[in-house]
């Protein structure tokens, strides 16, 4: 029984399918980090907006007299 040459199989796999064999680049890590930052920022803005809305609901309504010019 002939065992496959693992080095040859590995080389064929890496060369035959470059997309799967490609290592993540520094740029892909940077893009991922940027997307995570945007996502976290959006979540923080949403939470702040919800808290502000709740605070406005609890605040007593005061009518300010505005002088029209």
PDB file of N, CA and C in Angstrom:
ATOM      1  N   UNK A   1       0.839  -1.170   0.000  1.00  0.00           N
ATOM      2  CA  UNK A   1       0.000   0.000   0.000  1.00  0.00           C
ATOM      3  C   UNK A   1       0.885   1.235   0.000  1.00  0.00           C
ATOM      4  N   UNK A   2       0.657   2.131  -0.936  1.00  0.00           N
ATOM      5  CA  UNK A   2       1.448   3.344  -1.048  1.00  0.00           C
ATOM      6  C   UNK A   2       0.812   4.472  -0.234  1.00  0.00           C
ATOM      7  N   UNK A   3       1.595   5.009   0.692  1.00  0.00           N
ATOM      8  CA  UNK A   3       1.118   6.143   1.497  1.00  0.00           C
ATOM      9  C   UNK A   3       1.336   7.436   0.710  1.00  0.00           C
ATOM     10  N   UNK A   4       0.408   8.367   0.777  1.00  0.00           N
ATOM     11  CA  UNK A   4       0.592   9.622   0.046  1.00  0.00           C
ATOM     12  C   UNK A   4       1.721  10.450   0.650  1.00  0.00           C
ATOM     13  N   UNK A   5       2.411  11.165  -0.196  1.00  0.00           N
ATOM     14  CA  UNK A   5       3.465  12.069   0.254  1.00  0.00           C
ATOM     15  C   UNK A   5       2.784  13.304   0.822  1.00  0.00           C
ATOM     16  N   UNK A   6       2.853  13.471   2.149  1.00  0.00           N
ATOM     17  CA  UNK A   6       2.143  14.565   2.798  1.00  0.00           C
ATOM     18  C   UNK A   6       2.648  15.937   2.367  1.00  0.00           C
ATOM     19  N   UNK A   7       3.926  16.059   2.073  1.00  0.00           N
ATOM     20  CA  UNK A   7       4.457  17.339   1.600  1.00  0.00           C
ATOM     21  C   UNK A   7       3.860  17.706   0.252  1.00  0.00           C
ATOM     22  N   UNK A   8       3.746  16.709  -0.628  1.00  0.00           N
ATOM     23  CA  UNK A   8       3.182  16.969  -1.952  1.00  0.00           C
ATOM     24  C   UNK A   8       1.694  17.331  -1.827  1.00  0.00           C
ATOM     25  N   UNK A   9       0.963  16.611  -1.001  1.00  0.00           N
ATOM     26  CA  UNK A   9      -0.466  16.896  -0.811  1.00  0.00           C
ATOM     27  C   UNK A   9      -0.649  18.290  -0.241  1.00  0.00           C
ATOM     28  N   UNK A  10       0.175  18.652   0.720  1.00  0.00           N
ATOM     29  CA  UNK A  10       0.093  19.986   1.329  1.00  0.00           C
ATOM     30  C   UNK A  10       0.385  21.075   0.310  1.00  0.00           C
ATOM     31  N   UNK A  11       1.422  20.877  -0.509  1.00  0.00           N
ATOM     32  CA  UNK A  11       1.766  21.862  -1.533  1.00  0.00           C
ATOM     33  C   UNK A  11       0.641  22.006  -2.554  1.00  0.00           C
ATOM     34  N   UNK A  12       0.041  20.893  -2.940  1.00  0.00           N
ATOM     35  CA  UNK A  12      -1.047  20.938  -3.920  1.00  0.00           C
ATOM     36  C   UNK A  12      -2.264  21.649  -3.346  1.00  0.00           C
ATOM     37  N   UNK A  13      -2.547  21.390  -2.104  1.00  0.00           N
ATOM     38  CA  UNK A  13      -3.698  22.027  -1.468  1.00  0.00           C
ATOM     39  C   UNK A  13      -3.493  23.533  -1.382  1.00  0.00           C
ATOM     40  N   UNK A  14      -2.331  23.951  -0.967  1.00  0.00           N
ATOM     41  CA  UNK A  14      -2.057  25.376  -0.813  1.00  0.00           C
ATOM     42  C   UNK A  14      -1.995  26.065  -2.171  1.00  0.00           C
ATOM     43  N   UNK A  15      -1.377  25.435  -3.140  1.00  0.00           N
ATOM     44  CA  UNK A  15      -1.237  26.059  -4.449  1.00  0.00           C
ATOM     45  C   UNK A  15      -2.500  25.973  -5.276  1.00  0.00           C
ATOM     46  N   UNK A  16      -3.259  24.902  -5.104  1.00  0.00           N
ATOM     47  CA  UNK A  16      -4.454  24.707  -5.899  1.00  0.00           C
ATOM     48  C   UNK A  16      -5.611  25.594  -5.472  1.00  0.00           C
ATOM     49  N   UNK A  17      -5.648  25.983  -4.236  1.00  0.00           N
ATOM     50  CA  UNK A  17      -6.743  26.806  -3.750  1.00  0.00           C
ATOM     51  C   UNK A  17      -6.152  27.949  -2.936  1.00  0.00           C
ATOM     52  N   UNK A  18      -5.789  28.996  -3.614  1.00  0.00           N
ATOM     53  CA  UNK A  18      -5.099  30.104  -2.957  1.00  0.00           C
ATOM     54  C   UNK A  18      -5.970  30.813  -1.931  1.00  0.00           C
ATOM     55  N   UNK A  19      -7.274  30.850  -2.163  1.00  0.00           N
ATOM     56  CA  UNK A  19      -8.168  31.539  -1.232  1.00  0.00           C
ATOM     57  C   UNK A  19      -8.138  30.869   0.130  1.00  0.00           C
ATOM     58  N   UNK A  20      -8.230  29.547   0.156  1.00  0.00           N
ATOM     59  CA  UNK A  20      -8.205  28.837   1.429  1.00  0.00           C
ATOM     60  C   UNK A  20      -6.819  28.821   2.053  1.00  0.00           C
ATOM     61  N   UNK A  21      -5.793  28.813   1.238  1.00  0.00           N
ATOM     62  CA  UNK A  21      -4.445  28.741   1.745  1.00  0.00           C
ATOM     63  C   UNK A  21      -3.872  30.086   2.161  1.00  0.00           C
ATOM     64  N   UNK A  22      -4.538  31.155   1.824  1.00  0.00           N
ATOM     65  CA  UNK A  22      -4.023  32.503   2.095  1.00  0.00           C
ATOM     66  C   UNK A  22      -4.140  32.828   3.586  1.00  0.00           C
ATOM     67  N   UNK A  23      -3.089  33.329   4.143  1.00  0.00           N
ATOM     68  CA  UNK A  23      -3.085  33.756   5.539  1.00  0.00           C
ATOM     69  C   UNK A  23      -3.682  35.153   5.642  1.00  0.00           C
ATOM     70  N   UNK A  24      -4.383  35.440   6.752  1.00  0.00           N
ATOM     71  CA  UNK A  24      -4.917  36.794   6.911  1.00  0.00           C
ATOM     72  C   UNK A  24      -3.785  37.823   6.909  1.00  0.00           C
ATOM     73  N   UNK A  25      -4.027  38.926   6.266  1.00  0.00           N
ATOM     74  CA  UNK A  25      -3.018  39.974   6.194  1.00  0.00           C
ATOM     75  C   UNK A  25      -3.235  40.976   7.302  1.00  0.00           C
ATOM     76  N   UNK A  26      -2.258  41.823   7.479  1.00  0.00           N
ATOM     77  CA  UNK A  26      -2.368  42.883   8.484  1.00  0.00           C
ATOM     78  C   UNK A  26      -3.569  43.778   8.182  1.00  0.00           C
ATOM     79  N   UNK A  27      -3.820  44.013   6.874  1.00  0.00           N
ATOM     80  CA  UNK A  27      -4.938  44.862   6.482  1.00  0.00           C
ATOM     81  C   UNK A  27      -6.268  44.244   6.898  1.00  0.00           C
ATOM     82  N   UNK A  28      -6.393  42.923   6.785  1.00  0.00           N
ATOM     83  CA  UNK A  28      -7.659  42.287   7.171  1.00  0.00           C
ATOM     84  C   UNK A  28      -7.885  42.412   8.678  1.00  0.00           C
ATOM     85  N   UNK A  29      -6.804  42.330   9.447  1.00  0.00           N
ATOM     86  CA  UNK A  29      -6.940  42.541  10.886  1.00  0.00           C
ATOM     87  C   UNK A  29      -7.340  43.991  11.179  1.00  0.00           C
ATOM     88  N   UNK A  30      -6.763  44.931  10.439  1.00  0.00           N
ATOM     89  CA  UNK A  30      -7.096  46.343  10.620  1.00  0.00           C
ATOM     90  C   UNK A  30      -8.556  46.607  10.262  1.00  0.00           C
ATOM     91  N   UNK A  31      -9.022  46.002   9.183  1.00  0.00           N
ATOM     92  CA  UNK A  31     -10.422  46.173   8.779  1.00  0.00           C
ATOM     93  C   UNK A  31     -11.350  45.579   9.834  1.00  0.00           C
ATOM     94  N   UNK A  32     -11.008  44.410  10.334  1.00  0.00           N
ATOM     95  CA  UNK A  32     -11.812  43.781  11.375  1.00  0.00           C
ATOM     96  C   UNK A  32     -11.855  44.648  12.622  1.00  0.00           C
ATOM     97  N   UNK A  33     -10.716  45.187  13.014  1.00  0.00           N
ATOM     98  CA  UNK A  33     -10.663  46.058  14.188  1.00  0.00           C
ATOM     99  C   UNK A  33     -11.494  47.320  13.969  1.00  0.00           C
ATOM    100  N   UNK A  34     -11.427  47.885  12.777  1.00  0.00           N
ATOM    101  CA  UNK A  34     -12.205  49.089  12.472  1.00  0.00           C
ATOM    102  C   UNK A  34     -13.700  48.792  12.503  1.00  0.00           C
ATOM    103  N   UNK A  35     -14.100  47.663  11.938  1.00  0.00           N
ATOM    104  CA  UNK A  35     -15.517  47.292  11.961  1.00  0.00           C
ATOM    105  C   UNK A  35     -16.004  47.039  13.383  1.00  0.00           C
ATOM    106  N   UNK A  36     -15.176  46.433  14.204  1.00  0.00           N
ATOM    107  CA  UNK A  36     -15.537  46.230  15.608  1.00  0.00           C
ATOM    108  C   UNK A  36     -15.695  47.561  16.325  1.00  0.00           C
ATOM    109  N   UNK A  37     -14.800  48.491  16.044  1.00  0.00           N
ATOM    110  CA  UNK A  37     -14.882  49.811  16.661  1.00  0.00           C
ATOM    111  C   UNK A  37     -16.168  50.534  16.249  1.00  0.00           C
ATOM    112  N   UNK A  38     -16.506  50.463  14.968  1.00  0.00           N
ATOM    113  CA  UNK A  38     -17.740  51.091  14.479  1.00  0.00           C
ATOM    114  C   UNK A  38     -18.950  50.444  15.142  1.00  0.00           C
ATOM    115  N   UNK A  39     -18.940  49.132  15.253  1.00  0.00           N
ATOM    116  CA  UNK A  39     -20.048  48.418  15.872  1.00  0.00           C
ATOM    117  C   UNK A  39     -20.206  48.801  17.348  1.00  0.00           C
ATOM    118  N   UNK A  40     -19.104  48.848  18.068  1.00  0.00           N
ATOM    119  CA  UNK A  40     -19.141  49.233  19.481  1.00  0.00           C
ATOM    120  C   UNK A  40     -19.600  50.679  19.646  1.00  0.00           C
ATOM    121  N   UNK A  41     -19.147  51.552  18.766  1.00  0.00           N
ATOM    122  CA  UNK A  41     -19.551  52.957  18.817  1.00  0.00           C
ATOM    123  C   UNK A  41     -21.042  53.093  18.553  1.00  0.00           C
ATOM    124  N   UNK A  42     -21.542  52.372  17.565  1.00  0.00           N
ATOM    125  CA  UNK A  42     -22.977  52.408  17.254  1.00  0.00           C
ATOM    126  C   UNK A  42     -23.797  51.907  18.444  1.00  0.00           C
ATOM    127  N   UNK A  43     -23.337  50.863  19.096  1.00  0.00           N
ATOM    128  CA  UNK A  43     -24.045  50.333  20.270  1.00  0.00           C
ATOM    129  C   UNK A  43     -24.042  51.350  21.408  1.00  0.00           C
ATOM    130  N   UNK A  44     -22.925  52.040  21.602  1.00  0.00           N
ATOM    131  CA  UNK A  44     -22.840  53.052  22.650  1.00  0.00           C
ATOM    132  C   UNK A  44     -23.766  54.229  22.350  1.00  0.00           C
ATOM    133  N   UNK A  45     -23.829  54.643  21.096  1.00  0.00           N
ATOM    134  CA  UNK A  45     -24.713  55.746  20.705  1.00  0.00           C
ATOM    135  C   UNK A  45     -26.171  55.346  20.919  1.00  0.00           C
ATOM    136  N   UNK A  46     -26.511  54.123  20.554  1.00  0.00           N
ATOM    137  CA  UNK A  46     -27.884  53.641  20.734  1.00  0.00           C
ATOM    138  C   UNK A  46     -28.248  53.625  22.218  1.00  0.00           C
ATOM    139  N   UNK A  47     -27.347  53.122  23.059  1.00  0.00           N
ATOM    140  CA  UNK A  47     -27.606  53.084  24.497  1.00  0.00           C
ATOM    141  C   UNK A  47     -27.759  54.493  25.058  1.00  0.00           C
ATOM    142  N   UNK A  48     -26.912  55.415  24.622  1.00  0.00           N
ATOM    143  CA  UNK A  48     -27.008  56.805  25.080  1.00  0.00           C
ATOM    144  C   UNK A  48     -28.335  57.409  24.650  1.00  0.00           C
ATOM    145  N   UNK A  49     -28.745  57.163  23.408  1.00  0.00           N
ATOM    146  CA  UNK A  49     -30.003  57.694  22.888  1.00  0.00           C
ATOM    147  C   UNK A  49     -31.187  57.167  23.697  1.00  0.00           C
ATOM    148  N   UNK A  50     -31.158  55.878  24.021  1.00  0.00           N
ATOM    149  CA  UNK A  50     -32.234  55.288  24.818  1.00  0.00           C
ATOM    150  C   UNK A  50     -32.272  55.887  26.220  1.00  0.00           C
ATOM    151  N   UNK A  51     -31.098  56.099  26.830  1.00  0.00           N
ATOM    152  CA  UNK A  51     -31.049  56.700  28.160  1.00  0.00           C
ATOM    153  C   UNK A  51     -31.533  58.144  28.130  1.00  0.00           C
ATOM    154  N   UNK A  52     -31.181  58.867  27.087  1.00  0.00           N
ATOM    155  CA  UNK A  52     -31.625  60.258  26.958  1.00  0.00           C
ATOM    156  C   UNK A  52     -33.142  60.314  26.798  1.00  0.00           C
ATOM    157  N   UNK A  53     -33.695  59.419  26.022  1.00  0.00           N
ATOM    158  CA  UNK A  53     -35.145  59.380  25.833  1.00  0.00           C
ATOM    159  C   UNK A  53     -35.854  59.067  27.143  1.00  0.00           C
ATOM    160  N   UNK A  54     -35.311  58.133  27.914  1.00  0.00           N
ATOM    161  CA  UNK A  54     -35.900  57.797  29.212  1.00  0.00           C
ATOM    162  C   UNK A  54     -35.807  58.976  30.168  1.00  0.00           C
ATOM    163  N   UNK A  55     -34.695  59.677  30.151  1.00  0.00           N
ATOM    164  CA  UNK A  55     -34.523  60.835  31.024  1.00  0.00           C
ATOM    165  C   UNK A  55     -35.527  61.932  30.662  1.00  0.00           C
ATOM    166  N   UNK A  56     -35.748  62.124  29.379  1.00  0.00           N
ATOM    167  CA  UNK A  56     -36.726  63.127  28.949  1.00  0.00           C
ATOM    168  C   UNK A  56     -38.143  62.740  29.363  1.00  0.00           C
ATOM    169  N   UNK A  57     -38.442  61.450  29.342  1.00  0.00           N
ATOM    170  CA  UNK A  57     -39.761  60.992  29.770  1.00  0.00           C
ATOM    171  C   UNK A  57     -39.979  61.228  31.262  1.00  0.00           C
ATOM    172  N   UNK A  58     -38.930  61.104  32.059  1.00  0.00           N
ATOM    173  CA  UNK A  58     -39.041  61.285  33.507  1.00  0.00           C
ATOM    174  C   UNK A  58     -38.993  62.754  33.921  1.00  0.00           C
ATOM    175  N   UNK A  59     -38.423  63.582  33.094  1.00  0.00           N
ATOM    176  CA  UNK A  59     -38.241  64.989  33.453  1.00  0.00           C
ATOM    177  C   UNK A  59     -39.594  65.698  33.490  1.00  0.00           C
ATOM    178  N   UNK A  60     -39.780  66.577  34.486  1.00  0.00           N
ATOM    179  CA  UNK A  60     -41.027  67.349  34.517  1.00  0.00           C
ATOM    180  C   UNK A  60     -41.064  68.312  33.331  1.00  0.00           C
ATOM    181  N   UNK A  61     -42.252  68.479  32.806  1.00  0.00           N
ATOM    182  CA  UNK A  61     -42.412  69.362  31.661  1.00  0.00           C
ATOM    183  C   UNK A  61     -42.506  70.796  32.167  1.00  0.00           C
ATOM    184  N   UNK A  62     -41.637  71.631  31.682  1.00  0.00           N
ATOM    185  CA  UNK A  62     -41.630  73.034  32.043  1.00  0.00           C
ATOM    186  C   UNK A  62     -41.815  73.824  30.768  1.00  0.00           C
ATOM    187  N   UNK A  63     -42.718  74.764  30.834  1.00  0.00           N
ATOM    188  CA  UNK A  63     -42.968  75.598  29.681  1.00  0.00           C
ATOM    189  C   UNK A  63     -42.122  76.845  29.834  1.00  0.00           C
ATOM    190  N   UNK A  64     -41.272  77.045  28.888  1.00  0.00           N
ATOM    191  CA  UNK A  64     -40.433  78.247  28.913  1.00  0.00           C
ATOM    192  C   UNK A  64     -41.129  79.318  28.104  1.00  0.00           C
ATOM    193  N   UNK A  65     -41.112  80.501  28.633  1.00  0.00           N
ATOM    194  CA  UNK A  65     -41.684  81.613  27.908  1.00  0.00           C
ATOM    195  C   UNK A  65     -40.656  82.121  26.920  1.00  0.00           C
ATOM    196  N   UNK A  66     -40.991  82.035  25.665  1.00  0.00           N
ATOM    197  CA  UNK A  66     -40.077  82.434  24.623  1.00  0.00           C
ATOM    198  C   UNK A  66     -40.566  83.760  24.049  1.00  0.00           C
ATOM    199  N   UNK A  67     -39.707  84.678  24.041  1.00  0.00           N
ATOM    200  CA  UNK A  67     -40.053  86.014  23.524  1.00  0.00           C
ATOM    201  C   UNK A  67     -39.864  85.994  22.017  1.00  0.00           C
ATOM    202  N   UNK A  68     -40.941  86.227  21.327  1.00  0.00           N
ATOM    203  CA  UNK A  68     -40.894  86.234  19.867  1.00  0.00           C
ATOM    204  C   UNK A  68     -40.463  87.615  19.384  1.00  0.00           C
ATOM    205  N   UNK A  69     -39.612  87.674  18.448  1.00  0.00           N
ATOM    206  CA  UNK A  69     -39.151  88.954  17.909  1.00  0.00           C
ATOM    207  C   UNK A  69     -39.789  89.229  16.608  1.00  0.00           C
TER     208      UNK A  69
END
